[in-house]
PDB file of N, CA and C in Angstrom:
ATOM      1  N   UNK A   1      30.057 -60.459  54.743  1.00  0.00           N
ATOM      2  CA  UNK A   1      30.459 -60.608  53.302  1.00  0.00           C
ATOM      3  C   UNK A   1      31.778 -60.557  52.866  1.00  0.00           C
ATOM      4  N   UNK A   2      32.781 -59.975  54.099  1.00  0.00           N
ATOM      5  CA  UNK A   2      34.231 -60.139  53.326  1.00  0.00           C
ATOM      6  C   UNK A   2      34.585 -61.862  52.660  1.00  0.00           C
ATOM      7  N   UNK A   3      34.172 -62.895  53.273  1.00  0.00           N
ATOM      8  CA  UNK A   3      34.611 -63.711  52.947  1.00  0.00           C
ATOM      9  C   UNK A   3      34.118 -64.944  51.981  1.00  0.00           C
ATOM     10  N   UNK A   4      33.008 -64.091  51.093  1.00  0.00           N
ATOM     11  CA  UNK A   4      31.990 -64.294  50.341  1.00  0.00           C
ATOM     12  C   UNK A   4      32.863 -63.830  48.992  1.00  0.00           C
ATOM     13  N   UNK A   5      32.356 -64.710  48.017  1.00  0.00           N
ATOM     14  CA  UNK A   5      33.037 -64.884  46.485  1.00  0.00           C
ATOM     15  C   UNK A   5      32.331 -63.559  46.350  1.00  0.00           C
ATOM     16  N   UNK A   6      33.180 -62.629  44.987  1.00  0.00           N
ATOM     17  CA  UNK A   6      32.332 -61.140  44.976  1.00  0.00           C
ATOM     18  C   UNK A   6      31.103 -61.547  44.066  1.00  0.00           C
ATOM     19  N   UNK A   7      31.085 -62.710  43.009  1.00  0.00           N
ATOM     20  CA  UNK A   7      30.006 -62.989  41.894  1.00  0.00           C
ATOM     21  C   UNK A   7      28.287 -63.072  43.221  1.00  0.00           C
ATOM     22  N   UNK A   8      29.107 -63.332  43.798  1.00  0.00           N
ATOM     23  CA  UNK A   8      27.538 -63.609  44.631  1.00  0.00           C
ATOM     24  C   UNK A   8      27.382 -62.417  45.567  1.00  0.00           C
ATOM     25  N   UNK A   9      28.326 -62.163  46.097  1.00  0.00           N
ATOM     26  CA  UNK A   9      28.071 -60.925  46.554  1.00  0.00           C
ATOM     27  C   UNK A   9      27.198 -59.391  45.583  1.00  0.00           C
ATOM     28  N   UNK A  10      28.026 -59.570  44.746  1.00  0.00           N
ATOM     29  CA  UNK A  10      27.339 -58.892  43.476  1.00  0.00           C
ATOM     30  C   UNK A  10      25.732 -59.304  43.004  1.00  0.00           C
ATOM     31  N   UNK A  11      25.283 -60.516  43.067  1.00  0.00           N
ATOM     32  CA  UNK A  11      23.934 -60.991  43.004  1.00  0.00           C
ATOM     33  C   UNK A  11      23.380 -60.503  43.699  1.00  0.00           C
ATOM     34  N   UNK A  12      23.363 -60.274  44.947  1.00  0.00           N
ATOM     35  CA  UNK A  12      23.034 -60.017  46.731  1.00  0.00           C
ATOM     36  C   UNK A  12      22.723 -58.482  46.228  1.00  0.00           C
ATOM     37  N   UNK A  13      23.866 -57.705  45.406  1.00  0.00           N
ATOM     38  CA  UNK A  13      23.779 -56.292  45.563  1.00  0.00           C
ATOM     39  C   UNK A  13      22.762 -55.846  44.406  1.00  0.00           C
ATOM     40  N   UNK A  14      22.918 -56.628  43.954  1.00  0.00           N
ATOM     41  CA  UNK A  14      21.626 -56.657  42.361  1.00  0.00           C
ATOM     42  C   UNK A  14      20.073 -57.032  42.487  1.00  0.00           C
ATOM     43  N   UNK A  15      20.355 -57.316  43.246  1.00  0.00           N
ATOM     44  CA  UNK A  15      18.789 -58.085  43.597  1.00  0.00           C
ATOM     45  C   UNK A  15      18.458 -56.762  44.382  1.00  0.00           C
ATOM     46  N   UNK A  16      18.582 -55.663  44.840  1.00  0.00           N
ATOM     47  CA  UNK A  16      18.198 -54.981  46.296  1.00  0.00           C
ATOM     48  C   UNK A  16      17.607 -53.620  44.940  1.00  0.00           C
ATOM     49  N   UNK A  17      18.211 -54.194  43.838  1.00  0.00           N
ATOM     50  CA  UNK A  17      17.881 -52.597  42.646  1.00  0.00           C
ATOM     51  C   UNK A  17      16.925 -52.237  42.059  1.00  0.00           C
ATOM     52  N   UNK A  18      15.812 -51.545  41.816  1.00  0.00           N
ATOM     53  CA  UNK A  18      14.680 -51.381  41.565  1.00  0.00           C
ATOM     54  C   UNK A  18      14.795 -51.707  40.200  1.00  0.00           C
ATOM     55  N   UNK A  19      13.445 -52.203  39.262  1.00  0.00           N
ATOM     56  CA  UNK A  19      13.038 -52.500  37.858  1.00  0.00           C
ATOM     57  C   UNK A  19      13.720 -51.264  37.296  1.00  0.00           C
ATOM     58  N   UNK A  20      13.138 -49.903  37.273  1.00  0.00           N
ATOM     59  CA  UNK A  20      13.331 -49.030  36.473  1.00  0.00           C
ATOM     60  C   UNK A  20      15.285 -48.648  36.416  1.00  0.00           C
ATOM     61  N   UNK A  21      15.975 -49.029  37.671  1.00  0.00           N
ATOM     62  CA  UNK A  21      17.088 -49.169  37.609  1.00  0.00           C
ATOM     63  C   UNK A  21      18.457 -49.800  37.165  1.00  0.00           C
ATOM     64  N   UNK A  22      17.593 -51.542  36.554  1.00  0.00           N
ATOM     65  CA  UNK A  22      18.594 -52.379  36.473  1.00  0.00           C
ATOM     66  C   UNK A  22      19.011 -52.523  34.851  1.00  0.00           C
ATOM     67  N   UNK A  23      20.086 -53.028  34.522  1.00  0.00           N
ATOM     68  CA  UNK A  23      21.024 -52.639  33.622  1.00  0.00           C
ATOM     69  C   UNK A  23      21.355 -50.835  34.062  1.00  0.00           C
ATOM     70  N   UNK A  24      21.274 -49.983  34.652  1.00  0.00           N
ATOM     71  CA  UNK A  24      21.318 -48.515  34.110  1.00  0.00           C
ATOM     72  C   UNK A  24      22.666 -48.781  35.761  1.00  0.00           C
ATOM     73  N   UNK A  25      22.552 -49.580  36.527  1.00  0.00           N
ATOM     74  CA  UNK A  25      23.613 -49.658  37.909  1.00  0.00           C
ATOM     75  C   UNK A  25      24.580 -50.630  37.528  1.00  0.00           C
ATOM     76  N   UNK A  26      25.795 -50.627  37.916  1.00  0.00           N
ATOM     77  CA  UNK A  26      27.017 -51.619  37.944  1.00  0.00           C
ATOM     78  C   UNK A  26      27.695 -51.472  38.998  1.00  0.00           C
ATOM     79  N   UNK A  27      28.312 -52.367  39.418  1.00  0.00           N
ATOM     80  CA  UNK A  27      29.080 -52.668  40.751  1.00  0.00           C
ATOM     81  C   UNK A  27      29.868 -53.522  40.056  1.00  0.00           C
ATOM     82  N   UNK A  28      31.539 -53.118  40.509  1.00  0.00           N
ATOM     83  CA  UNK A  28      32.803 -53.710  40.139  1.00  0.00           C
ATOM     84  C   UNK A  28      33.475 -53.483  41.046  1.00  0.00           C
ATOM     85  N   UNK A  29      34.849 -54.494  41.250  1.00  0.00           N
ATOM     86  CA  UNK A  29      35.671 -54.489  42.257  1.00  0.00           C
ATOM     87  C   UNK A  29      36.989 -55.072  41.127  1.00  0.00           C
ATOM     88  N   UNK A  30      38.272 -54.283  41.647  1.00  0.00           N
ATOM     89  CA  UNK A  30      39.246 -54.435  40.918  1.00  0.00           C
ATOM     90  C   UNK A  30      40.501 -54.158  41.922  1.00  0.00           C
ATOM     91  N   UNK A  31      41.203 -55.310  41.906  1.00  0.00           N
ATOM     92  CA  UNK A  31      42.650 -55.863  42.697  1.00  0.00           C
ATOM     93  C   UNK A  31      43.325 -55.730  41.591  1.00  0.00           C
ATOM     94  N   UNK A  32      44.461 -54.833  41.999  1.00  0.00           N
ATOM     95  CA  UNK A  32      45.461 -55.267  41.138  1.00  0.00           C
ATOM     96  C   UNK A  32      46.939 -55.768  42.050  1.00  0.00           C
ATOM     97  N   UNK A  33      47.006 -56.447  40.821  1.00  0.00           N
ATOM     98  CA  UNK A  33      47.962 -57.676  41.309  1.00  0.00           C
ATOM     99  C   UNK A  33      49.642 -56.974  41.337  1.00  0.00           C
ATOM    100  N   UNK A  34      49.983 -56.382  41.565  1.00  0.00           N
ATOM    101  CA  UNK A  34      51.128 -55.631  41.512  1.00  0.00           C
ATOM    102  C   UNK A  34      51.470 -54.628  42.856  1.00  0.00           C
ATOM    103  N   UNK A  35      49.885 -54.074  43.654  1.00  0.00           N
ATOM    104  CA  UNK A  35      49.959 -53.206  44.530  1.00  0.00           C
ATOM    105  C   UNK A  35      50.400 -54.244  45.650  1.00  0.00           C
ATOM    106  N   UNK A  36      50.933 -53.903  46.961  1.00  0.00           N
ATOM    107  CA  UNK A  36      50.915 -54.392  48.031  1.00  0.00           C
ATOM    108  C   UNK A  36      49.785 -54.591  48.278  1.00  0.00           C
ATOM    109  N   UNK A  37      49.785 -56.338  48.978  1.00  0.00           N
ATOM    110  CA  UNK A  37      48.808 -57.146  49.768  1.00  0.00           C
ATOM    111  C   UNK A  37      47.234 -57.407  48.410  1.00  0.00           C
ATOM    112  N   UNK A  38      47.647 -57.011  47.017  1.00  0.00           N
ATOM    113  CA  UNK A  38      46.846 -56.886  46.250  1.00  0.00           C
ATOM    114  C   UNK A  38      45.684 -55.939  46.334  1.00  0.00           C
ATOM    115  N   UNK A  39      45.495 -54.739  46.677  1.00  0.00           N
ATOM    116  CA  UNK A  39      45.051 -53.850  46.737  1.00  0.00           C
ATOM    117  C   UNK A  39      44.574 -53.320  46.040  1.00  0.00           C
ATOM    118  N   UNK A  40      42.848 -53.068  45.859  1.00  0.00           N
ATOM    119  CA  UNK A  40      42.238 -52.565  44.572  1.00  0.00           C
ATOM    120  C   UNK A  40      41.420 -50.991  45.008  1.00  0.00           C
ATOM    121  N   UNK A  41      40.417 -51.314  44.152  1.00  0.00           N
ATOM    122  CA  UNK A  41      38.757 -50.287  44.308  1.00  0.00           C
ATOM    123  C   UNK A  41      37.580 -51.148  44.081  1.00  0.00           C
ATOM    124  N   UNK A  42      36.591 -50.524  44.640  1.00  0.00           N
ATOM    125  CA  UNK A  42      35.088 -50.570  44.036  1.00  0.00           C
ATOM    126  C   UNK A  42      34.495 -49.773  43.681  1.00  0.00           C
ATOM    127  N   UNK A  43      33.973 -49.551  42.693  1.00  0.00           N
ATOM    128  CA  UNK A  43      33.311 -48.374  42.040  1.00  0.00           C
ATOM    129  C   UNK A  43      31.752 -48.826  41.283  1.00  0.00           C
ATOM    130  N   UNK A  44      30.692 -47.580  41.606  1.00  0.00           N
ATOM    131  CA  UNK A  44      29.220 -47.551  41.313  1.00  0.00           C
ATOM    132  C   UNK A  44      29.492 -46.988  39.877  1.00  0.00           C
ATOM    133  N   UNK A  45      28.633 -47.367  39.092  1.00  0.00           N
ATOM    134  CA  UNK A  45      28.403 -46.673  37.848  1.00  0.00           C
ATOM    135  C   UNK A  45      27.332 -46.633  37.665  1.00  0.00           C
ATOM    136  N   UNK A  46      26.547 -45.275  37.089  1.00  0.00           N
ATOM    137  CA  UNK A  46      25.050 -45.249  36.872  1.00  0.00           C
ATOM    138  C   UNK A  46      25.288 -44.797  35.431  1.00  0.00           C
ATOM    139  N   UNK A  47      24.507 -45.206  34.626  1.00  0.00           N
ATOM    140  CA  UNK A  47      25.148 -44.802  32.747  1.00  0.00           C
ATOM    141  C   UNK A  47      25.551 -44.796  32.915  1.00  0.00           C
ATOM    142  N   UNK A  48      27.304 -45.887  32.568  1.00  0.00           N
ATOM    143  CA  UNK A  48      28.136 -45.872  32.565  1.00  0.00           C
ATOM    144  C   UNK A  48      28.808 -44.842  33.191  1.00  0.00           C
ATOM    145  N   UNK A  49      28.977 -44.141  33.795  1.00  0.00           N
ATOM    146  CA  UNK A  49      29.733 -42.892  34.576  1.00  0.00           C
ATOM    147  C   UNK A  49      30.199 -42.946  36.341  1.00  0.00           C
ATOM    148  N   UNK A  50      30.753 -43.474  36.284  1.00  0.00           N
ATOM    149  CA  UNK A  50      30.921 -43.560  37.749  1.00  0.00           C
ATOM    150  C   UNK A  50      30.601 -42.733  38.776  1.00  0.00           C
ATOM    151  N   UNK A  51      29.994 -43.345  40.304  1.00  0.00           N
ATOM    152  CA  UNK A  51      29.497 -42.114  40.675  1.00  0.00           C
ATOM    153  C   UNK A  51      30.027 -42.015  42.441  1.00  0.00           C
ATOM    154  N   UNK A  52      30.341 -43.327  42.385  1.00  0.00           N
ATOM    155  CA  UNK A  52      31.115 -43.941  43.825  1.00  0.00           C
ATOM    156  C   UNK A  52      31.903 -44.798  43.642  1.00  0.00           C
ATOM    157  N   UNK A  53      33.616 -43.860  44.215  1.00  0.00           N
ATOM    158  CA  UNK A  53      34.959 -44.771  43.800  1.00  0.00           C
ATOM    159  C   UNK A  53      35.028 -45.136  45.442  1.00  0.00           C
ATOM    160  N   UNK A  54      35.504 -46.572  45.847  1.00  0.00           N
ATOM    161  CA  UNK A  54      35.889 -46.576  46.560  1.00  0.00           C
ATOM    162  C   UNK A  54      37.935 -47.339  46.951  1.00  0.00           C
ATOM    163  N   UNK A  55      38.206 -46.382  46.719  1.00  0.00           N
ATOM    164  CA  UNK A  55      39.609 -46.828  46.616  1.00  0.00           C
ATOM    165  C   UNK A  55      40.318 -47.085  48.031  1.00  0.00           C
ATOM    166  N   UNK A  56      40.833 -48.493  47.817  1.00  0.00           N
ATOM    167  CA  UNK A  56      41.291 -48.918  49.476  1.00  0.00           C
ATOM    168  C   UNK A  56      42.828 -47.786  49.368  1.00  0.00           C
ATOM    169  N   UNK A  57      43.303 -47.967  47.783  1.00  0.00           N
ATOM    170  CA  UNK A  57      44.804 -47.066  48.467  1.00  0.00           C
ATOM    171  C   UNK A  57      44.441 -45.744  48.506  1.00  0.00           C
ATOM    172  N   UNK A  58      43.794 -44.737  48.227  1.00  0.00           N
ATOM    173  CA  UNK A  58      43.646 -43.423  48.152  1.00  0.00           C
ATOM    174  C   UNK A  58      43.063 -43.173  49.793  1.00  0.00           C
ATOM    175  N   UNK A  59      42.047 -43.999  50.128  1.00  0.00           N
ATOM    176  CA  UNK A  59      41.632 -44.078  51.507  1.00  0.00           C
ATOM    177  C   UNK A  59      42.684 -44.011  52.657  1.00  0.00           C
ATOM    178  N   UNK A  60      43.516 -45.607  52.578  1.00  0.00           N
ATOM    179  CA  UNK A  60      44.966 -45.148  53.351  1.00  0.00           C
ATOM    180  C   UNK A  60      45.506 -44.406  53.623  1.00  0.00           C
ATOM    181  N   UNK A  61      45.802 -43.453  52.520  1.00  0.00           N
ATOM    182  CA  UNK A  61      47.007 -42.593  52.430  1.00  0.00           C
ATOM    183  C   UNK A  61      45.992 -40.733  53.142  1.00  0.00           C
ATOM    184  N   UNK A  62      44.840 -41.385  52.747  1.00  0.00           N
ATOM    185  CA  UNK A  62      44.160 -40.139  53.584  1.00  0.00           C
ATOM    186  C   UNK A  62      44.157 -40.254  55.166  1.00  0.00           C
ATOM    187  N   UNK A  63      43.877 -41.748  55.373  1.00  0.00           N
ATOM    188  CA  UNK A  63      43.783 -41.877  56.897  1.00  0.00           C
ATOM    189  C   UNK A  63      45.375 -41.775  57.252  1.00  0.00           C
ATOM    190  N   UNK A  64      46.498 -42.271  56.832  1.00  0.00           N
ATOM    191  CA  UNK A  64      47.534 -41.975  57.186  1.00  0.00           C
ATOM    192  C   UNK A  64      48.366 -40.432  57.394  1.00  0.00           C
ATOM    193  N   UNK A  65      47.212 -39.541  56.607  1.00  0.00           N
ATOM    194  CA  UNK A  65      47.684 -38.187  56.378  1.00  0.00           C
ATOM    195  C   UNK A  65      47.110 -37.869  57.875  1.00  0.00           C
ATOM    196  N   UNK A  66      46.119 -38.029  58.019  1.00  0.00           N
ATOM    197  CA  UNK A  66      45.325 -37.850  59.472  1.00  0.00           C
ATOM    198  C   UNK A  66      46.184 -38.173  60.448  1.00  0.00           C
ATOM    199  N   UNK A  67      46.259 -39.046  60.665  1.00  0.00           N
ATOM    200  CA  UNK A  67      46.784 -40.445  61.959  1.00  0.00           C
ATOM    201  C   UNK A  67      48.936 -39.098  62.087  1.00  0.00           C
ATOM    202  N   UNK A  68      49.133 -38.826  60.700  1.00  0.00           N
ATOM    203  CA  UNK A  68      50.386 -37.978  61.351  1.00  0.00           C
ATOM    204  C   UNK A  68      50.451 -36.768  61.476  1.00  0.00           C
ATOM    205  N   UNK A  69      49.037 -35.834  61.328  1.00  0.00           N
ATOM    206  CA  UNK A  69      48.866 -34.706  61.906  1.00  0.00           C
ATOM    207  C   UNK A  69      48.238 -34.577  63.672  1.00  0.00           C
ATOM    208  N   UNK A  70      47.838 -35.414  63.930  1.00  0.00           N
ATOM    209  CA  UNK A  70      47.789 -35.679  65.535  1.00  0.00           C
ATOM    210  C   UNK A  70      49.099 -35.696  66.361  1.00  0.00           C
TER     211      UNK A  70
END
């Protein structure tokens, strides 16, 4: 899935949503243009409230902190 366009991936994800949740769950990806390597985040909202945040920057920071402690 990594090399596919986001719009195609998003359509596939939306295809897995049951009818009762359609139009209530949204998948979003954001890239920060000025960030190193244009890093960004992906998040899922339910009824317009963020329920899952997959931020590359904060996860990289957490991984680096763990590696420094070893």
